[in-house]
Amino acid sequence: MGEWMKKSPLEWQDYVYKEVRVIASEKEYKGWLLTTDPVSANIVLVNFLEDGSLSVTGVMGQCVQTVETVNERDPRVKEKLMHLFTSGDYNGFSPEDLDRRKKSLKKWLEKNHIPVTEQGEAQRTLCVAGALTIHPPYAPENCSSSNEIILSRIQDLIRGHLQ
């Protein structure tokens, strides 16, 4: 059993969002550590390729011998990694762009006399009249509501705003 398996999940957490070198079964892997499974100690590494795509590699925890940090956390890389597998397409939007889009849409909805609030831990979700939510990047397809009439009308308003 390697030293990795002897560590606790809290110790593994120290490596998340850092670029690491992993030695596992006499093979070396390198990449940004996205997550570690707390039960199996499996590691998920992400590498950003030159053509804009990415490579995701899973390394079995039982094979891991050592993990060493190559680069500390980079705020830009961390932001990309945090939103890598979330719903909604954030590609091409910086945090500043998303904030600007949110504020612009909120102002537009208020101008049209529609009650809107910000929700969530990071205040990223817009909530319209308690009946509809709009998630980043704040386009018509990012709306959700159980009321189809409200959904359709707000989506039309957003389309008008984006034009």
C-alpha atoms as a PDB file:
ATOM      1  CA  MET A   1       0.000   0.000   0.000  1.00  0.00           C
ATOM      2  CA  GLY A   2       1.429   3.385  -1.031  1.00  0.00           C
ATOM      3  CA  GLU A   3       1.614   6.467   1.129  1.00  0.00           C
ATOM      4  CA  TRP A   4      -1.419   7.905  -0.722  1.00  0.00           C
ATOM      5  CA  MET A   5      -3.783   5.265   0.695  1.00  0.00           C
ATOM      6  CA  LYS A   6      -2.546   6.007   4.217  1.00  0.00           C
ATOM      7  CA  LYS A   7      -3.626   9.651   3.951  1.00  0.00           C
ATOM      8  CA  SER A   8      -7.062  10.836   5.023  1.00  0.00           C
ATOM      9  CA  PRO A   9      -9.628  12.454   2.691  1.00  0.00           C
ATOM     10  CA  LEU A  10      -8.840  15.808   4.334  1.00  0.00           C
ATOM     11  CA  GLU A  11      -5.187  15.395   3.385  1.00  0.00           C
ATOM     12  CA  TRP A  12      -6.162  14.464  -0.184  1.00  0.00           C
ATOM     13  CA  GLN A  13      -8.235  17.650  -0.351  1.00  0.00           C
ATOM     14  CA  ASP A  14      -5.012  19.682  -0.075  1.00  0.00           C
ATOM     15  CA  TYR A  15      -4.079  18.517  -3.600  1.00  0.00           C
ATOM     16  CA  VAL A  16      -7.348  19.498  -5.296  1.00  0.00           C
ATOM     17  CA  TYR A  17      -6.961  22.128  -8.061  1.00  0.00           C
ATOM     18  CA  LYS A  18      -3.163  21.776  -7.982  1.00  0.00           C
ATOM     19  CA  GLU A  19      -1.014  20.422 -10.777  1.00  0.00           C
ATOM     20  CA  VAL A  20       0.440  17.134  -9.553  1.00  0.00           C
ATOM     21  CA  ARG A  21       2.706  14.290 -10.580  1.00  0.00           C
ATOM     22  CA  VAL A  22       1.345  10.863  -9.661  1.00  0.00           C
ATOM     23  CA  ILE A  23       3.464   7.722  -9.562  1.00  0.00           C
ATOM     24  CA  ALA A  24       1.197   4.679  -9.818  1.00  0.00           C
ATOM     25  CA  SER A  25       2.313   1.114 -10.512  1.00  0.00           C
ATOM     26  CA  GLU A  26       5.613   2.388 -11.916  1.00  0.00           C
ATOM     27  CA  LYS A  27       3.803   4.689 -14.361  1.00  0.00           C
ATOM     28  CA  GLU A  28       3.798   8.481 -14.117  1.00  0.00           C
ATOM     29  CA  TYR A  29       0.796  10.750 -14.645  1.00  0.00           C
ATOM     30  CA  LYS A  30       0.731  14.529 -14.589  1.00  0.00           C
ATOM     31  CA  GLY A  31      -2.234  16.896 -14.550  1.00  0.00           C
ATOM     32  CA  TRP A  32      -4.518  19.159 -12.520  1.00  0.00           C
ATOM     33  CA  LEU A  33      -6.148  17.182  -9.727  1.00  0.00           C
ATOM     34  CA  LEU A  34      -9.902  17.671 -10.047  1.00  0.00           C
ATOM     35  CA  THR A  35     -11.085  15.345  -7.295  1.00  0.00           C
ATOM     36  CA  THR A  36     -10.304  12.314  -5.184  1.00  0.00           C
ATOM     37  CA  ASP A  37     -12.854   9.678  -4.264  1.00  0.00           C
ATOM     38  CA  PRO A  38     -13.024   9.542  -0.448  1.00  0.00           C
ATOM     39  CA  VAL A  39     -13.729   5.781  -0.387  1.00  0.00           C
ATOM     40  CA  SER A  40     -11.414   4.332  -3.048  1.00  0.00           C
ATOM     41  CA  ALA A  41      -8.768   7.113  -3.117  1.00  0.00           C
ATOM     42  CA  ASN A  42      -9.117   7.172  -6.928  1.00  0.00           C
ATOM     43  CA  ILE A  43      -7.750  10.362  -8.488  1.00  0.00           C
ATOM     44  CA  VAL A  44      -9.175  12.319 -11.433  1.00  0.00           C
ATOM     45  CA  LEU A  45      -6.606  14.371 -13.371  1.00  0.00           C
ATOM     46  CA  VAL A  46      -7.391  16.942 -16.070  1.00  0.00           C
ATOM     47  CA  ASN A  47      -5.006  18.230 -18.731  1.00  0.00           C
ATOM     48  CA  PHE A  48      -5.860  21.143 -21.004  1.00  0.00           C
ATOM     49  CA  LEU A  49      -4.641  20.392 -24.533  1.00  0.00           C
ATOM     50  CA  GLU A  50      -3.288  22.904 -27.043  1.00  0.00           C
ATOM     51  CA  ASP A  51      -6.250  22.484 -29.407  1.00  0.00           C
ATOM     52  CA  GLY A  52      -8.620  23.686 -26.667  1.00  0.00           C
ATOM     53  CA  SER A  53      -9.908  20.234 -25.744  1.00  0.00           C
ATOM     54  CA  LEU A  54      -9.069  18.418 -22.554  1.00  0.00           C
ATOM     55  CA  SER A  55      -7.961  15.033 -21.363  1.00  0.00           C
ATOM     56  CA  VAL A  56      -9.421  13.403 -18.254  1.00  0.00           C
ATOM     57  CA  THR A  57      -7.542  10.545 -16.607  1.00  0.00           C
ATOM     58  CA  GLY A  58      -8.599   8.364 -13.698  1.00  0.00           C
ATOM     59  CA  VAL A  59      -5.947   6.730 -11.552  1.00  0.00           C
ATOM     60  CA  MET A  60      -6.928   3.865  -9.255  1.00  0.00           C
ATOM     61  CA  GLY A  61      -6.188   4.775  -5.634  1.00  0.00           C
ATOM     62  CA  GLN A  62      -4.805   1.340  -4.789  1.00  0.00           C
ATOM     63  CA  CYS A  63      -2.135   1.786  -7.508  1.00  0.00           C
ATOM     64  CA  VAL A  64      -1.012   5.245  -6.371  1.00  0.00           C
ATOM     65  CA  GLN A  65       2.370   5.241  -4.693  1.00  0.00           C
ATOM     66  CA  THR A  66       3.153   8.965  -4.450  1.00  0.00           C
ATOM     67  CA  VAL A  67       1.551  12.293  -5.316  1.00  0.00           C
ATOM     68  CA  GLU A  68       3.630  15.450  -5.433  1.00  0.00           C
ATOM     69  CA  THR A  69       2.629  19.018  -6.213  1.00  0.00           C
ATOM     70  CA  VAL A  70       4.134  20.471  -9.398  1.00  0.00           C
ATOM     71  CA  ASN A  71       2.272  23.820  -9.409  1.00  0.00           C
ATOM     72  CA  GLU A  72       0.163  25.469  -6.742  1.00  0.00           C
ATOM     73  CA  ARG A  73      -3.419  26.497  -7.399  1.00  0.00           C
ATOM     74  CA  ASP A  74      -3.896  28.912 -10.293  1.00  0.00           C
ATOM     75  CA  PRO A  75      -7.143  30.931  -9.880  1.00  0.00           C
ATOM     76  CA  ARG A  76      -7.929  30.761 -13.623  1.00  0.00           C
ATOM     77  CA  VAL A  77      -7.378  27.001 -13.790  1.00  0.00           C
ATOM     78  CA  LYS A  78      -9.363  26.489 -10.589  1.00  0.00           C
ATOM     79  CA  GLU A  79     -12.315  28.396 -12.091  1.00  0.00           C
ATOM     80  CA  LYS A  80     -12.203  26.227 -15.231  1.00  0.00           C
ATOM     81  CA  LEU A  81     -11.998  23.033 -13.196  1.00  0.00           C
ATOM     82  CA  MET A  82     -14.835  24.053 -10.870  1.00  0.00           C
ATOM     83  CA  HIS A  83     -17.236  24.460 -13.785  1.00  0.00           C
ATOM     84  CA  LEU A  84     -15.958  21.620 -15.925  1.00  0.00           C
ATOM     85  CA  PHE A  85     -18.799  19.180 -15.257  1.00  0.00           C
ATOM     86  CA  THR A  86     -21.565  21.536 -14.143  1.00  0.00           C
ATOM     87  CA  SER A  87     -24.722  22.062 -16.130  1.00  0.00           C
ATOM     88  CA  GLY A  88     -24.788  25.037 -18.430  1.00  0.00           C
ATOM     89  CA  ASP A  89     -22.092  25.987 -20.864  1.00  0.00           C
ATOM     90  CA  TYR A  90     -19.634  28.404 -19.294  1.00  0.00           C
ATOM     91  CA  ASN A  91     -17.068  27.979 -22.069  1.00  0.00           C
ATOM     92  CA  GLY A  92     -15.894  31.316 -23.360  1.00  0.00           C
ATOM     93  CA  PHE A  93     -17.234  33.252 -20.367  1.00  0.00           C
ATOM     94  CA  SER A  94     -14.912  34.636 -17.737  1.00  0.00           C
ATOM     95  CA  PRO A  95     -16.310  35.220 -14.235  1.00  0.00           C
ATOM     96  CA  GLU A  96     -16.386  38.943 -15.091  1.00  0.00           C
ATOM     97  CA  ASP A  97     -18.392  38.253 -18.292  1.00  0.00           C
ATOM     98  CA  LEU A  98     -20.898  36.152 -16.348  1.00  0.00           C
ATOM     99  CA  ASP A  99     -21.268  38.846 -13.704  1.00  0.00           C
ATOM    100  CA  ARG A 100     -21.778  41.505 -16.385  1.00  0.00           C
ATOM    101  CA  ARG A 101     -24.407  39.342 -18.145  1.00  0.00           C
ATOM    102  CA  LYS A 102     -26.228  38.692 -14.859  1.00  0.00           C
ATOM    103  CA  LYS A 103     -26.339  42.388 -13.909  1.00  0.00           C
ATOM    104  CA  SER A 104     -27.457  43.427 -17.393  1.00  0.00           C
ATOM    105  CA  LEU A 105     -30.256  40.834 -17.478  1.00  0.00           C
ATOM    106  CA  LYS A 106     -31.380  41.699 -13.943  1.00  0.00           C
ATOM    107  CA  LYS A 107     -31.565  45.390 -14.870  1.00  0.00           C
ATOM    108  CA  TRP A 108     -33.495  44.516 -18.065  1.00  0.00           C
ATOM    109  CA  LEU A 109     -36.028  42.411 -16.159  1.00  0.00           C
ATOM    110  CA  GLU A 110     -36.495  45.138 -13.529  1.00  0.00           C
ATOM    111  CA  LYS A 111     -36.980  47.697 -16.319  1.00  0.00           C
ATOM    112  CA  ASN A 112     -39.803  45.478 -17.570  1.00  0.00           C
ATOM    113  CA  HIS A 113     -41.342  45.478 -14.056  1.00  0.00           C
ATOM    114  CA  ILE A 114     -40.479  41.847 -13.346  1.00  0.00           C
ATOM    115  CA  PRO A 115     -39.495  41.058  -9.737  1.00  0.00           C
ATOM    116  CA  VAL A 116     -36.076  39.413  -9.716  1.00  0.00           C
ATOM    117  CA  THR A 117     -33.692  38.399  -6.934  1.00  0.00           C
ATOM    118  CA  GLU A 118     -30.279  36.744  -6.737  1.00  0.00           C
ATOM    119  CA  GLN A 119     -30.060  33.326  -5.099  1.00  0.00           C
ATOM    120  CA  GLY A 120     -27.571  30.675  -4.163  1.00  0.00           C
ATOM    121  CA  GLU A 121     -24.361  30.613  -2.210  1.00  0.00           C
ATOM    122  CA  ALA A 122     -22.494  32.722  -4.772  1.00  0.00           C
ATOM    123  CA  GLN A 123     -25.589  34.752  -5.772  1.00  0.00           C
ATOM    124  CA  ARG A 124     -25.223  33.366  -9.321  1.00  0.00           C
ATOM    125  CA  THR A 125     -28.824  32.306  -9.926  1.00  0.00           C
ATOM    126  CA  LEU A 126     -31.538  34.813 -10.767  1.00  0.00           C
ATOM    127  CA  CYS A 127     -35.017  34.027  -9.445  1.00  0.00           C
ATOM    128  CA  VAL A 128     -38.003  35.616 -11.181  1.00  0.00           C
ATOM    129  CA  ALA A 129     -41.131  36.111  -9.062  1.00  0.00           C
ATOM    130  CA  GLY A 130     -40.282  32.959  -7.104  1.00  0.00           C
ATOM    131  CA  ALA A 131     -41.474  30.918 -10.079  1.00  0.00           C
ATOM    132  CA  LEU A 132     -38.509  30.716 -12.445  1.00  0.00           C
ATOM    133  CA  THR A 133     -34.731  30.457 -12.154  1.00  0.00           C
ATOM    134  CA  ILE A 134     -32.059  31.589 -14.598  1.00  0.00           C
ATOM    135  CA  HIS A 135     -28.599  30.045 -14.313  1.00  0.00           C
ATOM    136  CA  PRO A 136     -25.321  31.186 -15.895  1.00  0.00           C
ATOM    137  CA  PRO A 137     -24.642  32.103 -18.648  1.00  0.00           C
ATOM    138  CA  TYR A 138     -28.122  33.681 -18.474  1.00  0.00           C
ATOM    139  CA  ALA A 139     -29.503  32.722 -21.873  1.00  0.00           C
ATOM    140  CA  PRO A 140     -33.093  31.583 -22.653  1.00  0.00           C
ATOM    141  CA  GLU A 141     -32.067  27.905 -22.484  1.00  0.00           C
ATOM    142  CA  ASN A 142     -30.748  28.460 -18.935  1.00  0.00           C
ATOM    143  CA  CYS A 143     -34.251  29.134 -17.584  1.00  0.00           C
ATOM    144  CA  SER A 144     -36.249  26.591 -15.640  1.00  0.00           C
ATOM    145  CA  SER A 145     -39.786  26.699 -14.307  1.00  0.00           C
ATOM    146  CA  SER A 146     -42.710  24.355 -13.803  1.00  0.00           C
ATOM    147  CA  ASN A 147     -45.000  27.082 -15.187  1.00  0.00           C
ATOM    148  CA  GLU A 148     -44.702  26.905 -18.990  1.00  0.00           C
ATOM    149  CA  ILE A 149     -46.424  30.262 -19.557  1.00  0.00           C
ATOM    150  CA  ILE A 150     -43.988  32.134 -17.308  1.00  0.00           C
ATOM    151  CA  LEU A 151     -41.081  30.181 -18.789  1.00  0.00           C
ATOM    152  CA  SER A 152     -42.055  31.092 -22.358  1.00  0.00           C
ATOM    153  CA  ARG A 153     -42.620  34.786 -21.585  1.00  0.00           C
ATOM    154  CA  ILE A 154     -39.346  35.227 -19.693  1.00  0.00           C
ATOM    155  CA  GLN A 155     -37.413  33.377 -22.403  1.00  0.00           C
ATOM    156  CA  ASP A 156     -38.931  35.745 -24.987  1.00  0.00           C
ATOM    157  CA  LEU A 157     -37.899  38.740 -22.867  1.00  0.00           C
ATOM    158  CA  ILE A 158     -34.349  37.406 -22.585  1.00  0.00           C
ATOM    159  CA  ARG A 159     -34.190  36.873 -26.370  1.00  0.00           C
ATOM    160  CA  GLY A 160     -35.279  40.490 -26.844  1.00  0.00           C
ATOM    161  CA  HIS A 161     -32.637  41.637 -24.378  1.00  0.00           C
ATOM    162  CA  LEU A 162     -29.868  39.659 -26.095  1.00  0.00           C
ATOM    163  CA  GLN A 163     -30.759  41.130 -29.500  1.00  0.00           C
END
